Amino acid sequence: MRAFLYSVLLVISTFGSLIGQDLDQLQRQQEQRLSSARQKLSSLRQKNTTAILPLQKELRELRSEEREWRKRFEDHQAVRDSLSLSLDDLKKERDSSREEFQYLENILLREFFAEHRSSLPVHSPRNEELRLLDLKIESGTLSKRDIVPNQLSALLNIARDLRSSYGGEWSNGKALGPDGDWHEGQVLDLGPEAFFKADEPSSTGRLTEGLDHRSHIDERVPSNLVAKWMEKSSGSLPIDVSGGQALKAMEYQTTFFEHVKKGGMWVIPIIFFATISALIAIFKMLVLYTVKMPPVQVGYQMALLLKKGDQKGALALASAQPSSCRKMFSRAVESGQGDPDFTEEIMTEAILEKQPSWERFHGLIAVTAAVAPLLGLLGTVTGIIKTFQMMEVFGAGDPRPLIGGISEALITTELGLILAIPALLLHAMLSRRAQSLLSRMERCAMATVNGLLGDHSSSSDD
């Protein structure tokens, strides 16, 4: 058995030595392979490095070229956007200029010519020229290309006329006199005004345009002033610097009664309420502001006389007081019998009896103040309705009738407010006066009661 074990151990040791030799050999082989692989890797890296450098250089050049092309693209895109915006702006500017040109051509110049015509003397050839130009434009005789040149030509002529006429310009002309006959003579142009001098002194005066669009001698202007000035070139001349607008305004001036009459039927109840309110206010002011009140210490003196048993003296003192408190004091002396509570009730009853007479008709004034604006508004609404009904029949081509109708309709509102505001003030003033008188009576009554109770705190008058 022992020999068997020795043999087994010998075999194992033999195989172990053989295995150890094989492992060492394998390790050396692997190290050789690893060294060979490293050498190949190093050579490959060198080759890659040699190949990558030109590629990286080429990549950098391509990227630089890309940035340059991208910048060019952005510049071209910005130029394209700016050109697009400039084109839109030019279109807008063109449309705006076209609108301004049309406004200048169709509105401003024509309005200027119309205003200038109204300020020109009727004998002026420029008046006829502007009238014919307006007729040609309205009828379509002139083409669109010819309208502006003709308007500019007329504008230049007007400028030349203004330079010469404002310094005074003489010319030959004729005008219709007050007798209805034509008179020839000299015309003096002074800006918007023109004066005529004929051989006959009666045919001398200021020129105006009549309904027949002819020159008429104004009879309202003294002819002697015009004749004197035109002969001596000195003195005073009646010149209307407003171009006739002042005379038109004077024609529309009305008196107060004419102004009220334009308000229509609703003016009648407003004036009725105004009259009633004014009469009541005057009457109440005469009543309330003429009331005399006794001093407060009279009540205390009368109480002292009652406490002493001197009823006759107290009654004489009560009878000597103003009528506003005489009845209250007399009742207190006759019926109070010195009892403070009973005296207070009697005097309070007298105050309550006096209150309605002092506050009478105040409510009517307050009602008038409230109703007057409503009546005015009703008249305004009615007038506006009538104005719109007239527009339905005659149209709205001329706004002057509409404006005139609305202004007349507003007259009732104006009158209603003119009535309401003073009525409110008078009502407040009269109510305050009545309350003040009642408060004074109450203080006199309290002084009497306090005197009967023996309180001296109310004996002084304030």
Protein backbone atom coordinates (compact mmCIF):
# COMPACT_ATOMS: atom_id res chain seq x y z
CA MET A 1 0.00 0.00 0.00
CA ARG A 2 2.72 2.37 0.85
CA ALA A 3 4.42 1.55 -2.40
CA PHE A 4 1.22 2.37 -4.25
CA LEU A 5 1.03 5.76 -2.63
CA TYR A 6 4.65 6.46 -3.53
CA SER A 7 3.94 5.59 -7.11
CA VAL A 8 0.90 7.84 -7.24
CA LEU A 9 2.83 10.76 -5.80
CA LEU A 10 5.58 10.19 -8.30
CA VAL A 11 3.15 10.31 -11.17
CA ILE A 12 1.55 13.50 -9.85
CA SER A 13 4.83 15.26 -9.46
CA THR A 14 5.87 14.25 -12.96
CA PHE A 15 2.66 15.64 -14.46
CA GLY A 16 2.93 18.83 -12.38
CA SER A 17 6.38 19.56 -13.67
CA LEU A 18 5.19 19.01 -17.19
CA ILE A 19 2.17 21.36 -16.67
CA GLY A 20 4.38 24.09 -15.14
CA GLN A 21 6.69 23.99 -18.14
CA ASP A 22 3.71 24.34 -20.53
CA LEU A 23 2.32 27.39 -18.62
CA ASP A 24 5.65 29.21 -18.72
CA GLN A 25 5.87 28.58 -22.42
CA LEU A 26 2.34 29.88 -22.98
CA GLN A 27 3.09 33.04 -20.98
CA ARG A 28 6.16 33.76 -23.08
CA GLN A 29 4.21 33.26 -26.26
CA GLN A 30 1.47 35.64 -25.14
CA GLU A 31 3.99 38.29 -24.18
CA GLN A 32 5.56 38.02 -27.60
CA ARG A 33 2.19 38.39 -29.26
CA LEU A 34 1.34 41.40 -27.08
CA SER A 35 4.63 43.08 -27.95
CA SER A 36 4.03 42.42 -31.61
CA ALA A 37 0.49 43.85 -31.37
CA ARG A 38 1.77 46.98 -29.66
CA GLN A 39 4.33 47.52 -32.38
CA LYS A 40 1.59 47.17 -35.02
CA LEU A 41 -0.64 49.59 -33.08
CA SER A 42 2.14 52.14 -32.85
CA SER A 43 2.85 51.89 -36.56
CA LEU A 44 -0.87 52.21 -37.35
CA ARG A 45 -1.13 55.31 -35.15
CA GLN A 46 1.76 56.90 -36.94
CA LYS A 47 0.13 56.12 -40.28
CA ASN A 48 -3.21 57.52 -39.07
CA THR A 49 -1.53 60.66 -37.77
CA THR A 50 0.21 61.14 -41.06
CA ALA A 51 -3.09 60.67 -42.92
CA ILE A 52 -5.28 62.77 -40.53
CA LEU A 53 -3.19 65.98 -40.60
CA PRO A 54 -3.98 66.89 -44.22
CA LEU A 55 -7.60 65.91 -43.70
CA GLN A 56 -7.87 68.19 -40.67
CA LYS A 57 -6.30 71.01 -42.64
CA GLU A 58 -8.74 70.45 -45.47
CA LEU A 59 -11.64 70.34 -42.95
CA ARG A 60 -10.56 73.68 -41.48
CA GLU A 61 -10.42 75.21 -44.94
CA LEU A 62 -13.87 73.85 -45.76
CA ARG A 63 -15.30 75.21 -42.52
CA SER A 64 -13.77 78.64 -43.19
CA GLU A 65 -15.24 78.58 -46.68
CA GLU A 66 -18.59 77.56 -45.21
CA ARG A 67 -18.53 80.52 -42.81
CA GLU A 68 -17.71 82.88 -45.68
CA TRP A 69 -20.54 81.55 -47.82
CA ARG A 70 -22.93 81.69 -44.87
CA LYS A 71 -21.98 85.34 -44.27
CA ARG A 72 -22.53 86.12 -47.94
CA PHE A 73 -25.89 84.40 -47.77
CA GLU A 74 -26.92 86.41 -44.72
CA ASP A 75 -25.79 89.64 -46.39
CA HIS A 76 -27.75 88.83 -49.54
CA GLN A 77 -30.78 87.87 -47.47
CA ALA A 78 -30.57 91.15 -45.52
CA VAL A 79 -30.31 93.07 -48.80
CA ARG A 80 -33.31 91.18 -50.15
CA ASP A 81 -35.34 91.90 -46.98
CA SER A 82 -34.38 95.57 -47.06
CA LEU A 83 -35.33 95.78 -50.70
CA SER A 84 -38.66 94.15 -49.92
CA LEU A 85 -39.28 96.57 -47.04
CA SER A 86 -38.18 99.52 -49.15
CA LEU A 87 -40.60 98.45 -51.84
CA ASP A 88 -43.45 98.28 -49.30
CA ASP A 89 -42.45 101.66 -47.92
CA LEU A 90 -42.34 103.11 -51.40
CA LYS A 91 -45.80 101.70 -52.11
CA LYS A 92 -47.12 103.19 -48.89
CA GLU A 93 -45.42 106.50 -49.61
CA ARG A 94 -46.85 106.45 -53.13
CA ASP A 95 -50.37 105.78 -51.78
CA SER A 96 -49.96 108.49 -49.14
CA SER A 97 -48.70 110.99 -51.71
CA ARG A 98 -51.58 110.10 -54.00
CA GLU A 99 -54.09 110.67 -51.20
CA GLU A 100 -52.43 113.96 -50.26
CA PHE A 101 -52.45 115.02 -53.88
CA GLN A 102 -56.13 114.15 -54.26
CA TYR A 103 -56.93 115.98 -51.03
CA LEU A 104 -54.96 118.99 -52.25
CA GLU A 105 -56.62 118.90 -55.66
CA ASN A 106 -60.21 118.09 -54.74
CA ILE A 107 -60.61 119.75 -51.37
CA LEU A 108 -57.97 122.27 -50.34
CA LEU A 109 -57.55 124.10 -53.64
CA ARG A 110 -61.26 124.12 -54.41
CA GLU A 111 -62.12 125.31 -50.92
CA PHE A 112 -59.44 127.98 -51.19
CA PHE A 113 -60.81 129.14 -54.53
CA ALA A 114 -64.35 129.22 -53.12
CA GLU A 115 -63.26 131.22 -50.08
CA HIS A 116 -61.21 133.55 -52.24
CA ARG A 117 -64.13 134.08 -54.59
CA SER A 118 -66.35 135.08 -51.66
CA SER A 119 -63.79 137.73 -50.69
CA LEU A 120 -63.34 139.08 -54.22
CA PRO A 121 -65.34 142.02 -55.52
CA VAL A 122 -68.00 140.90 -57.97
CA HIS A 123 -66.57 143.11 -60.71
CA SER A 124 -63.19 141.38 -60.51
CA PRO A 125 -62.29 139.34 -63.62
CA ARG A 126 -60.60 136.83 -61.31
CA ASN A 127 -64.00 136.04 -59.79
CA GLU A 128 -65.34 135.03 -63.20
CA GLU A 129 -62.18 133.05 -63.98
CA LEU A 130 -62.48 131.00 -60.79
CA ARG A 131 -66.18 130.44 -61.35
CA LEU A 132 -65.55 129.10 -64.89
CA LEU A 133 -62.73 126.86 -63.62
CA ASP A 134 -65.03 125.39 -60.99
CA LEU A 135 -67.73 124.78 -63.60
CA LYS A 136 -65.23 123.02 -65.92
CA ILE A 137 -64.07 120.75 -63.11
CA GLU A 138 -67.64 119.93 -62.07
CA SER A 139 -68.77 119.22 -65.63
CA GLY A 140 -65.72 117.10 -66.49
CA THR A 141 -64.64 119.34 -69.35
CA LEU A 142 -61.06 119.31 -68.11
CA SER A 143 -59.14 116.04 -68.05
CA LYS A 144 -57.43 114.89 -64.86
CA ARG A 145 -54.05 115.92 -66.22
CA ASP A 146 -55.28 119.44 -67.02
CA ILE A 147 -57.00 120.13 -63.69
CA VAL A 148 -53.88 120.68 -61.59
CA PRO A 149 -52.05 122.90 -64.13
CA ASN A 150 -55.15 125.10 -64.43
CA GLN A 151 -55.49 125.26 -60.65
CA LEU A 152 -51.81 126.17 -60.23
CA SER A 153 -52.14 128.83 -62.90
CA ALA A 154 -55.15 130.29 -61.11
CA LEU A 155 -53.21 130.15 -57.83
CA LEU A 156 -50.32 132.11 -59.31
CA ASN A 157 -52.76 134.70 -60.68
CA ILE A 158 -54.34 135.03 -57.24
CA ALA A 159 -50.89 135.56 -55.69
CA ARG A 160 -50.15 138.33 -58.20
CA ASP A 161 -53.54 139.91 -57.53
CA LEU A 162 -52.93 139.86 -53.80
CA ARG A 163 -49.56 141.57 -54.16
CA SER A 164 -51.09 144.39 -56.16
CA SER A 165 -54.56 144.73 -54.59
CA TYR A 166 -53.54 145.04 -50.94
CA GLY A 167 -51.68 148.19 -51.74
CA GLY A 168 -54.75 149.71 -53.42
CA GLU A 169 -55.50 149.33 -57.09
CA TRP A 170 -57.64 151.51 -59.34
CA SER A 171 -59.59 150.15 -62.29
CA ASN A 172 -62.55 151.03 -64.46
CA GLY A 173 -65.87 149.33 -63.81
CA LYS A 174 -69.60 149.67 -63.43
CA ALA A 175 -72.17 148.92 -60.76
CA LEU A 176 -75.89 148.98 -60.08
CA GLY A 177 -76.93 152.00 -58.09
CA PRO A 178 -79.82 152.35 -55.65
CA ASP A 179 -81.98 153.56 -58.53
CA GLY A 180 -81.48 150.26 -60.41
CA ASP A 181 -79.43 151.84 -63.24
CA TRP A 182 -75.92 150.96 -64.29
CA HIS A 183 -73.24 153.54 -63.49
CA GLU A 184 -69.76 153.58 -64.88
CA GLY A 185 -66.83 154.87 -62.88
CA GLN A 186 -63.66 153.94 -61.03
CA VAL A 187 -63.21 151.03 -58.65
CA LEU A 188 -60.71 151.02 -55.80
CA ASP A 189 -59.68 147.54 -54.62
CA LEU A 190 -58.41 147.40 -51.04
CA GLY A 191 -57.87 143.77 -50.28
CA PRO A 192 -61.23 142.05 -49.89
CA GLU A 193 -63.10 145.34 -50.13
CA ALA A 194 -63.98 147.39 -53.22
CA PHE A 195 -65.30 150.94 -53.45
CA PHE A 196 -66.99 152.59 -56.41
CA LYS A 197 -66.89 156.22 -57.49
CA ALA A 198 -69.12 157.46 -60.31
CA ASP A 199 -69.75 160.91 -61.72
CA GLU A 200 -72.86 161.25 -59.57
CA PRO A 201 -72.16 161.55 -55.84
CA SER A 202 -75.23 159.45 -55.06
CA SER A 203 -73.63 156.52 -56.89
CA THR A 204 -70.55 156.39 -54.69
CA GLY A 205 -70.09 153.74 -52.06
CA ARG A 206 -68.94 150.25 -51.15
CA LEU A 207 -69.47 147.44 -53.68
CA THR A 208 -71.27 144.25 -52.68
CA GLU A 209 -72.42 141.17 -54.54
CA GLY A 210 -76.16 140.86 -55.01
CA LEU A 211 -78.30 137.78 -55.48
CA ASP A 212 -77.89 138.19 -59.24
CA HIS A 213 -74.07 137.94 -58.82
CA ARG A 214 -73.64 141.54 -59.97
CA SER A 215 -71.94 144.52 -58.37
CA HIS A 216 -74.28 146.64 -56.25
CA ILE A 217 -73.61 149.82 -54.34
CA ASP A 218 -74.21 149.18 -50.66
CA GLU A 219 -76.77 151.70 -49.37
CA ARG A 220 -75.84 150.98 -45.74
CA VAL A 221 -72.41 152.62 -46.14
CA PRO A 222 -72.39 156.44 -46.15
CA SER A 223 -71.44 157.57 -49.65
CA ASN A 224 -69.89 160.83 -48.42
CA LEU A 225 -67.17 158.94 -46.51
CA VAL A 226 -66.25 156.91 -49.58
CA ALA A 227 -66.32 159.93 -51.88
CA LYS A 228 -64.15 161.98 -49.52
CA TRP A 229 -61.59 159.25 -49.15
CA MET A 230 -61.44 158.48 -52.86
CA GLU A 231 -60.90 162.16 -53.63
CA LYS A 232 -58.32 162.97 -50.95
CA SER A 233 -56.97 159.45 -50.20
CA SER A 234 -57.34 160.17 -46.49
CA GLY A 235 -59.92 159.72 -43.79
CA SER A 236 -61.79 156.63 -42.67
CA LEU A 237 -63.35 153.85 -44.73
CA PRO A 238 -65.85 151.20 -43.61
CA ILE A 239 -63.81 148.02 -44.24
CA ASP A 240 -65.11 144.63 -43.14
CA VAL A 241 -61.95 142.65 -42.37
CA SER A 242 -63.99 139.51 -41.78
CA GLY A 243 -64.92 139.23 -45.44
CA GLY A 244 -68.63 139.69 -44.83
CA GLN A 245 -68.85 137.25 -41.94
CA ALA A 246 -69.43 140.02 -39.39
CA LEU A 247 -72.45 141.31 -41.28
CA LYS A 248 -73.84 137.78 -41.53
CA ALA A 249 -73.37 137.33 -37.79
CA MET A 250 -75.20 140.60 -37.16
CA GLU A 251 -78.10 139.37 -39.26
CA TYR A 252 -78.43 136.29 -37.04
CA GLN A 253 -78.40 138.27 -33.79
CA THR A 254 -81.78 138.16 -32.06
CA THR A 255 -83.33 139.76 -29.04
CA PHE A 256 -84.18 137.82 -25.92
CA PHE A 257 -87.85 137.54 -26.81
CA GLU A 258 -87.03 136.35 -30.34
CA HIS A 259 -84.64 133.81 -28.87
CA VAL A 260 -87.31 132.51 -26.48
CA LYS A 261 -89.93 132.44 -29.25
CA LYS A 262 -87.77 130.01 -31.26
CA GLY A 263 -88.14 127.42 -28.50
CA GLY A 264 -91.67 126.51 -29.56
CA MET A 265 -94.72 125.56 -27.53
CA TRP A 266 -92.79 123.99 -24.64
CA VAL A 267 -91.45 127.43 -23.70
CA ILE A 268 -94.93 128.38 -22.46
CA PRO A 269 -95.10 125.91 -19.49
CA ILE A 270 -91.47 126.65 -18.64
CA ILE A 271 -92.16 130.39 -18.48
CA PHE A 272 -95.38 129.70 -16.53
CA PHE A 273 -93.50 127.70 -13.90
CA ALA A 274 -90.75 130.31 -13.83
CA THR A 275 -93.28 133.08 -13.20
CA ILE A 276 -95.08 131.15 -10.45
CA SER A 277 -91.79 130.18 -8.80
CA ALA A 278 -90.47 133.75 -8.93
CA LEU A 279 -93.68 135.22 -7.44
CA ILE A 280 -93.74 132.65 -4.65
CA ALA A 281 -90.05 133.17 -3.90
CA ILE A 282 -90.48 136.96 -3.68
CA PHE A 283 -93.52 136.58 -1.44
CA LYS A 284 -91.81 134.07 0.86
CA MET A 285 -88.68 136.21 1.11
CA LEU A 286 -90.78 139.20 2.15
CA VAL A 287 -92.53 137.04 4.73
CA LEU A 288 -89.58 135.15 6.20
CA TYR A 289 -86.90 137.84 6.12
CA THR A 290 -89.15 140.43 7.78
CA VAL A 291 -89.94 138.18 10.77
CA LYS A 292 -88.59 139.52 14.05
CA MET A 293 -87.69 137.14 16.87
CA PRO A 294 -87.49 138.05 20.58
CA PRO A 295 -84.30 137.44 22.55
CA VAL A 296 -84.09 134.06 24.24
CA GLN A 297 -83.92 135.55 27.76
CA VAL A 298 -87.52 136.83 27.38
CA GLY A 299 -88.72 133.30 28.01
CA TYR A 300 -86.68 133.12 31.21
CA GLN A 301 -88.00 136.53 32.42
CA MET A 302 -91.57 135.45 31.74
CA ALA A 303 -90.96 132.23 33.69
CA LEU A 304 -89.69 134.22 36.67
CA LEU A 305 -92.86 136.35 36.64
CA LEU A 306 -95.01 133.19 36.56
CA LYS A 307 -93.09 131.69 39.46
CA LYS A 308 -93.75 134.88 41.45
CA GLY A 309 -97.46 134.64 40.60
CA ASP A 310 -97.46 137.82 38.51
CA GLN A 311 -99.58 136.47 35.65
CA LYS A 312 -100.60 139.95 34.47
CA GLY A 313 -96.98 141.06 34.22
CA ALA A 314 -96.09 137.88 32.34
CA LEU A 315 -99.03 138.36 29.97
CA ALA A 316 -98.02 142.00 29.39
CA LEU A 317 -94.46 140.86 28.62
CA ALA A 318 -95.78 138.19 26.20
CA SER A 319 -98.04 140.72 24.44
CA ALA A 320 -95.09 143.08 23.95
CA GLN A 321 -93.14 140.51 21.92
CA PRO A 322 -93.07 140.32 18.08
CA SER A 323 -95.98 138.61 16.38
CA SER A 324 -93.93 135.53 15.58
CA CYS A 325 -93.78 134.42 19.23
CA ARG A 326 -96.56 136.50 20.80
CA LYS A 327 -99.21 133.78 20.47
CA MET A 328 -96.87 131.11 21.87
CA PHE A 329 -95.97 133.19 24.95
CA SER A 330 -99.58 134.29 25.54
CA ARG A 331 -100.87 130.69 25.48
CA ALA A 332 -98.10 129.62 27.83
CA VAL A 333 -99.07 132.35 30.34
CA GLU A 334 -102.83 131.84 30.07
CA SER A 335 -102.98 128.04 30.04
CA GLY A 336 -99.69 126.86 31.48
CA GLN A 337 -100.43 127.90 35.09
CA GLY A 338 -96.72 127.58 35.93
CA ASP A 339 -96.57 123.84 35.21
CA PRO A 340 -93.33 123.20 33.20
CA ASP A 341 -94.58 120.06 31.44
CA PHE A 342 -97.93 121.56 30.48
CA THR A 343 -96.25 124.81 29.42
CA GLU A 344 -93.81 122.88 27.21
CA GLU A 345 -96.66 121.03 25.48
CA ILE A 346 -98.55 124.28 24.86
CA MET A 347 -95.50 126.04 23.40
CA THR A 348 -94.60 122.99 21.25
CA GLU A 349 -98.13 122.99 19.88
CA ALA A 350 -97.79 126.69 19.01
CA ILE A 351 -94.49 125.99 17.21
CA LEU A 352 -96.07 123.17 15.21
CA GLU A 353 -98.94 125.48 14.23
CA LYS A 354 -96.46 128.09 13.04
CA GLN A 355 -94.31 125.69 11.00
CA PRO A 356 -96.75 125.13 8.06
CA SER A 357 -97.22 128.85 7.47
CA TRP A 358 -93.47 129.42 7.23
CA GLU A 359 -92.82 126.35 5.03
CA ARG A 360 -95.87 126.87 2.79
CA PHE A 361 -95.24 126.80 -0.99
CA HIS A 362 -91.65 125.58 -0.56
CA GLY A 363 -92.62 122.29 -2.14
CA LEU A 364 -93.93 124.08 -5.22
CA ILE A 365 -90.57 125.77 -5.72
CA ALA A 366 -88.82 122.40 -5.39
CA VAL A 367 -91.22 120.83 -7.90
CA THR A 368 -90.57 123.69 -10.31
CA ALA A 369 -86.82 123.12 -10.03
CA ALA A 370 -87.30 119.43 -10.82
CA VAL A 371 -89.88 119.79 -13.62
CA ALA A 372 -88.26 122.66 -15.56
CA PRO A 373 -85.25 120.66 -16.88
CA LEU A 374 -87.56 117.78 -17.84
CA LEU A 375 -89.81 120.15 -19.79
CA GLY A 376 -86.73 121.59 -21.48
CA LEU A 377 -85.49 118.13 -22.40
CA LEU A 378 -88.93 117.23 -23.74
CA GLY A 379 -88.92 120.34 -25.91
CA THR A 380 -85.43 119.50 -27.18
CA VAL A 381 -86.40 115.94 -28.09
CA THR A 382 -89.53 117.18 -29.85
CA GLY A 383 -87.55 119.76 -31.82
CA ILE A 384 -84.91 117.23 -32.88
CA ILE A 385 -87.63 114.82 -34.01
CA LYS A 386 -89.14 117.57 -36.18
CA THR A 387 -85.70 118.37 -37.59
CA PHE A 388 -85.11 114.75 -38.62
CA GLN A 389 -88.58 114.60 -40.13
CA MET A 390 -87.68 117.62 -42.27
CA MET A 391 -84.47 115.86 -43.29
CA GLU A 392 -86.50 112.87 -44.46
CA VAL A 393 -88.54 115.17 -46.71
CA PHE A 394 -85.89 117.61 -47.97
CA GLY A 395 -82.71 115.52 -47.57
CA ALA A 396 -79.47 116.30 -45.74
CA GLY A 397 -77.42 117.89 -48.53
CA ASP A 398 -77.11 121.20 -46.67
CA PRO A 399 -76.26 120.79 -42.96
CA ARG A 400 -77.27 124.35 -42.04
CA PRO A 401 -81.00 123.61 -41.60
CA LEU A 402 -80.10 120.63 -39.41
CA ILE A 403 -77.76 122.72 -37.26
CA GLY A 404 -80.32 125.52 -37.03
CA GLY A 405 -83.08 123.09 -36.03
CA ILE A 406 -80.95 121.50 -33.32
CA SER A 407 -79.89 124.90 -31.95
CA GLU A 408 -83.53 125.99 -31.73
CA ALA A 409 -84.46 122.69 -30.09
CA LEU A 410 -81.83 123.26 -27.39
CA ILE A 411 -83.43 126.57 -26.40
CA THR A 412 -86.00 124.78 -24.21
CA THR A 413 -83.25 122.91 -22.33
CA GLU A 414 -81.42 126.20 -21.85
CA LEU A 415 -84.54 127.89 -20.43
CA GLY A 416 -85.30 124.88 -18.22
CA LEU A 417 -81.83 125.03 -16.66
CA ILE A 418 -82.04 128.81 -16.30
CA LEU A 419 -85.23 128.27 -14.26
CA ALA A 420 -84.10 125.20 -12.31
CA ILE A 421 -80.81 126.52 -10.94
CA PRO A 422 -82.22 129.68 -9.26
CA ALA A 423 -85.26 127.71 -8.07
CA LEU A 424 -83.02 125.19 -6.30
CA LEU A 425 -81.01 127.98 -4.67
CA LEU A 426 -84.14 129.84 -3.56
CA HIS A 427 -85.69 126.66 -2.15
CA ALA A 428 -82.57 125.93 -0.13
CA MET A 429 -82.33 129.51 1.12
CA LEU A 430 -86.00 129.76 2.14
CA SER A 431 -86.00 126.34 3.80
CA ARG A 432 -82.91 127.26 5.79
CA ARG A 433 -84.51 130.54 6.90
CA ALA A 434 -87.70 128.76 8.01
CA GLN A 435 -85.73 126.18 9.97
CA SER A 436 -83.72 128.95 11.59
CA LEU A 437 -86.89 130.73 12.76
CA LEU A 438 -88.38 127.51 14.12
CA SER A 439 -85.17 126.74 15.98
CA ARG A 440 -85.25 130.21 17.54
CA MET A 441 -88.84 129.64 18.71
CA GLU A 442 -87.82 126.29 20.20
CA ARG A 443 -84.99 127.95 22.11
CA CYS A 444 -87.39 130.57 23.49
CA ALA A 445 -89.74 127.78 24.57
CA MET A 446 -86.92 125.81 26.22
CA ALA A 447 -85.76 128.95 28.02
CA THR A 448 -89.29 129.40 29.43
CA VAL A 449 -89.50 125.78 30.56
CA ASN A 450 -86.01 125.88 32.09
CA GLY A 451 -86.94 129.07 33.91
CA LEU A 452 -89.98 127.38 35.41
CA LEU A 453 -87.77 124.47 36.47
CA GLY A 454 -85.26 126.89 38.02
CA ASP A 455 -82.46 126.30 35.43
CA HIS A 456 -80.47 129.47 34.73
CA SER A 457 -78.35 128.01 31.95
CA SER A 458 -80.59 129.28 29.18
CA SER A 459 -81.05 132.80 30.41
CA SER A 460 -78.41 134.41 28.17
CA ASP A 461 -79.11 135.38 24.59
CA ASP A 462 -76.54 134.37 21.93
